[in-house]
Amino acid sequence: MLRAYGIYVDEDMVIDTVKNPFRVDRRGTQFLAIKPINDEHALRVVYEVRNDYIVVITLYPVRRDEYGV
């Protein structure tokens, strides 16, 4: 679906965003990692840590300028 908008996200990008984020915010038990994916967009990954496992809840592209990335 994102490809229709010219954005490609694969599993390695999601893992890299969680392991090497530009910034991580926290809301309750959820972590929101963000990392640039191109000049205009960043990838935001929402995840939780459950029993020592990282569980990705959702992910979505955002405009870098709106998030200061």
N, C-alpha and C. Protein backbone atom coordinates (compact mmCIF):
# COMPACT_ATOMS: atom_id res chain seq x y z
N MET A 1 0.82 -1.20 0.00
CA MET A 1 0.00 0.00 0.00
C MET A 1 0.86 1.26 0.00
N LEU A 2 1.93 1.27 0.77
CA LEU A 2 2.79 2.45 0.82
C LEU A 2 3.50 2.68 -0.51
N ARG A 3 3.73 1.64 -1.25
CA ARG A 3 4.40 1.78 -2.55
C ARG A 3 3.61 2.68 -3.49
N ALA A 4 2.30 2.70 -3.34
CA ALA A 4 1.47 3.57 -4.17
C ALA A 4 1.82 5.04 -3.95
N TYR A 5 2.40 5.34 -2.80
CA TYR A 5 2.81 6.71 -2.46
C TYR A 5 4.30 6.93 -2.66
N GLY A 6 4.98 5.93 -3.22
CA GLY A 6 6.41 6.06 -3.47
C GLY A 6 7.28 5.78 -2.26
N ILE A 7 6.73 5.09 -1.26
CA ILE A 7 7.48 4.78 -0.05
C ILE A 7 7.59 3.26 0.06
N TYR A 8 8.81 2.78 0.22
CA TYR A 8 9.06 1.35 0.36
C TYR A 8 9.62 1.08 1.75
N VAL A 9 9.00 0.17 2.48
CA VAL A 9 9.45 -0.21 3.82
C VAL A 9 9.56 -1.73 3.85
N ASP A 10 10.73 -2.23 4.28
CA ASP A 10 10.89 -3.67 4.42
C ASP A 10 11.21 -4.01 5.88
N GLU A 11 11.29 -5.29 6.16
CA GLU A 11 11.51 -5.77 7.52
C GLU A 11 12.82 -5.24 8.10
N ASP A 12 13.87 -5.19 7.28
CA ASP A 12 15.17 -4.70 7.76
C ASP A 12 15.09 -3.24 8.19
N MET A 13 14.29 -2.45 7.50
CA MET A 13 14.13 -1.04 7.87
C MET A 13 13.42 -0.92 9.22
N VAL A 14 12.45 -1.76 9.45
CA VAL A 14 11.72 -1.74 10.72
C VAL A 14 12.66 -2.13 11.86
N ILE A 15 13.42 -3.19 11.67
CA ILE A 15 14.37 -3.64 12.69
C ILE A 15 15.41 -2.56 12.96
N ASP A 16 15.93 -1.94 11.91
CA ASP A 16 16.93 -0.89 12.08
C ASP A 16 16.35 0.32 12.82
N THR A 17 15.11 0.65 12.56
CA THR A 17 14.47 1.77 13.25
C THR A 17 14.35 1.49 14.74
N VAL A 18 14.02 0.27 15.10
CA VAL A 18 13.89 -0.10 16.52
C VAL A 18 15.27 -0.17 17.19
N LYS A 19 16.25 -0.73 16.51
CA LYS A 19 17.59 -0.90 17.10
C LYS A 19 18.42 0.38 17.09
N ASN A 20 18.26 1.21 16.06
CA ASN A 20 19.09 2.41 15.89
C ASN A 20 18.24 3.63 15.57
N PRO A 21 17.33 3.99 16.46
CA PRO A 21 16.42 5.10 16.16
C PRO A 21 17.11 6.46 16.23
N PHE A 22 16.55 7.41 15.51
CA PHE A 22 16.97 8.80 15.64
C PHE A 22 16.51 9.32 17.00
N ARG A 23 15.28 8.91 17.37
CA ARG A 23 14.70 9.31 18.65
C ARG A 23 13.67 8.26 19.07
N VAL A 24 13.49 8.10 20.37
CA VAL A 24 12.46 7.22 20.90
C VAL A 24 11.63 8.00 21.91
N ASP A 25 10.32 8.00 21.71
CA ASP A 25 9.39 8.60 22.66
C ASP A 25 8.68 7.45 23.36
N ARG A 26 8.07 7.75 24.50
CA ARG A 26 7.37 6.70 25.23
C ARG A 26 5.99 7.19 25.62
N ARG A 27 5.02 6.30 25.44
CA ARG A 27 3.64 6.55 25.87
C ARG A 27 3.16 5.32 26.63
N GLY A 28 3.18 5.41 27.94
CA GLY A 28 2.80 4.26 28.75
C GLY A 28 3.77 3.11 28.53
N THR A 29 3.25 1.98 28.07
CA THR A 29 4.10 0.80 27.83
C THR A 29 4.62 0.75 26.40
N GLN A 30 4.21 1.70 25.58
CA GLN A 30 4.62 1.69 24.17
C GLN A 30 5.79 2.63 23.92
N PHE A 31 6.68 2.21 23.03
CA PHE A 31 7.80 3.00 22.57
C PHE A 31 7.52 3.41 21.14
N LEU A 32 7.89 4.63 20.78
CA LEU A 32 7.69 5.15 19.44
C LEU A 32 9.04 5.54 18.89
N ALA A 33 9.61 4.67 18.07
CA ALA A 33 10.93 4.91 17.48
C ALA A 33 10.74 5.59 16.13
N ILE A 34 11.65 6.50 15.80
CA ILE A 34 11.56 7.20 14.52
C ILE A 34 12.95 7.31 13.91
N LYS A 35 13.00 7.15 12.58
CA LYS A 35 14.27 7.22 11.86
C LYS A 35 14.00 7.66 10.43
N PRO A 36 14.83 8.56 9.88
CA PRO A 36 14.65 8.99 8.49
C PRO A 36 14.79 7.82 7.51
N ILE A 37 13.95 7.84 6.45
CA ILE A 37 14.06 6.83 5.40
C ILE A 37 14.40 7.45 4.05
N ASN A 38 14.17 8.76 3.92
CA ASN A 38 14.59 9.50 2.72
C ASN A 38 14.61 10.99 3.08
N ASP A 39 14.78 11.85 2.10
CA ASP A 39 14.88 13.28 2.38
C ASP A 39 13.60 13.89 2.92
N GLU A 40 12.48 13.28 2.61
CA GLU A 40 11.19 13.85 2.98
C GLU A 40 10.48 13.10 4.11
N HIS A 41 10.72 11.80 4.23
CA HIS A 41 9.97 10.97 5.17
C HIS A 41 10.84 10.26 6.21
N ALA A 42 10.19 9.92 7.31
CA ALA A 42 10.80 9.09 8.35
C ALA A 42 9.84 7.94 8.64
N LEU A 43 10.38 6.88 9.20
CA LEU A 43 9.57 5.73 9.57
C LEU A 43 9.34 5.79 11.07
N ARG A 44 8.09 5.66 11.48
CA ARG A 44 7.76 5.62 12.90
C ARG A 44 7.25 4.22 13.22
N VAL A 45 7.87 3.59 14.21
CA VAL A 45 7.52 2.23 14.61
C VAL A 45 7.06 2.26 16.07
N VAL A 46 5.86 1.78 16.30
CA VAL A 46 5.31 1.70 17.66
C VAL A 46 5.47 0.25 18.11
N TYR A 47 6.11 0.08 19.27
CA TYR A 47 6.35 -1.28 19.75
C TYR A 47 6.29 -1.33 21.28
N GLU A 48 6.18 -2.55 21.78
CA GLU A 48 6.21 -2.82 23.22
C GLU A 48 7.23 -3.92 23.48
N VAL A 49 7.74 -3.96 24.69
CA VAL A 49 8.61 -5.06 25.11
C VAL A 49 7.78 -5.93 26.05
N ARG A 50 7.57 -7.19 25.61
CA ARG A 50 6.78 -8.14 26.38
C ARG A 50 7.60 -9.41 26.60
N ASN A 51 7.84 -9.75 27.86
CA ASN A 51 8.61 -10.96 28.19
C ASN A 51 9.92 -11.02 27.41
N ASP A 52 10.64 -9.92 27.37
CA ASP A 52 11.93 -9.80 26.68
C ASP A 52 11.84 -9.91 25.17
N TYR A 53 10.64 -9.81 24.61
CA TYR A 53 10.45 -9.79 23.15
C TYR A 53 9.96 -8.42 22.73
N ILE A 54 10.43 -7.97 21.58
CA ILE A 54 9.94 -6.71 21.01
C ILE A 54 8.76 -7.05 20.11
N VAL A 55 7.61 -6.46 20.40
CA VAL A 55 6.39 -6.70 19.64
C VAL A 55 6.02 -5.40 18.92
N VAL A 56 6.09 -5.44 17.60
CA VAL A 56 5.73 -4.26 16.81
C VAL A 56 4.21 -4.17 16.75
N ILE A 57 3.69 -3.03 17.15
CA ILE A 57 2.25 -2.79 17.16
C ILE A 57 1.81 -2.26 15.80
N THR A 58 2.51 -1.24 15.32
CA THR A 58 2.20 -0.66 14.01
C THR A 58 3.40 0.14 13.54
N LEU A 59 3.37 0.51 12.28
CA LEU A 59 4.39 1.39 11.73
C LEU A 59 3.76 2.23 10.64
N TYR A 60 4.34 3.41 10.44
CA TYR A 60 3.80 4.31 9.43
C TYR A 60 4.84 5.37 9.08
N PRO A 61 4.77 5.86 7.85
CA PRO A 61 5.68 6.93 7.46
C PRO A 61 5.13 8.27 7.94
N VAL A 62 6.04 9.18 8.25
CA VAL A 62 5.66 10.54 8.64
C VAL A 62 6.56 11.51 7.89
N ARG A 63 6.12 12.74 7.78
CA ARG A 63 6.96 13.78 7.17
C ARG A 63 8.00 14.20 8.18
N ARG A 64 9.25 14.23 7.75
CA ARG A 64 10.36 14.55 8.65
C ARG A 64 10.20 15.91 9.30
N ASP A 65 9.76 16.90 8.54
CA ASP A 65 9.67 18.25 9.09
C ASP A 65 8.62 18.36 10.19
N GLU A 66 7.60 17.51 10.17
CA GLU A 66 6.57 17.55 11.21
C GLU A 66 7.06 16.95 12.53
N TYR A 67 8.09 16.11 12.47
CA TYR A 67 8.62 15.45 13.66
C TYR A 67 10.02 15.90 14.03
N GLY A 68 10.55 16.86 13.31
CA GLY A 68 11.87 17.39 13.62
C GLY A 68 12.99 16.39 13.42
N VAL A 69 12.85 15.56 12.41
CA VAL A 69 13.85 14.52 12.14
C VAL A 69 14.65 14.91 10.91
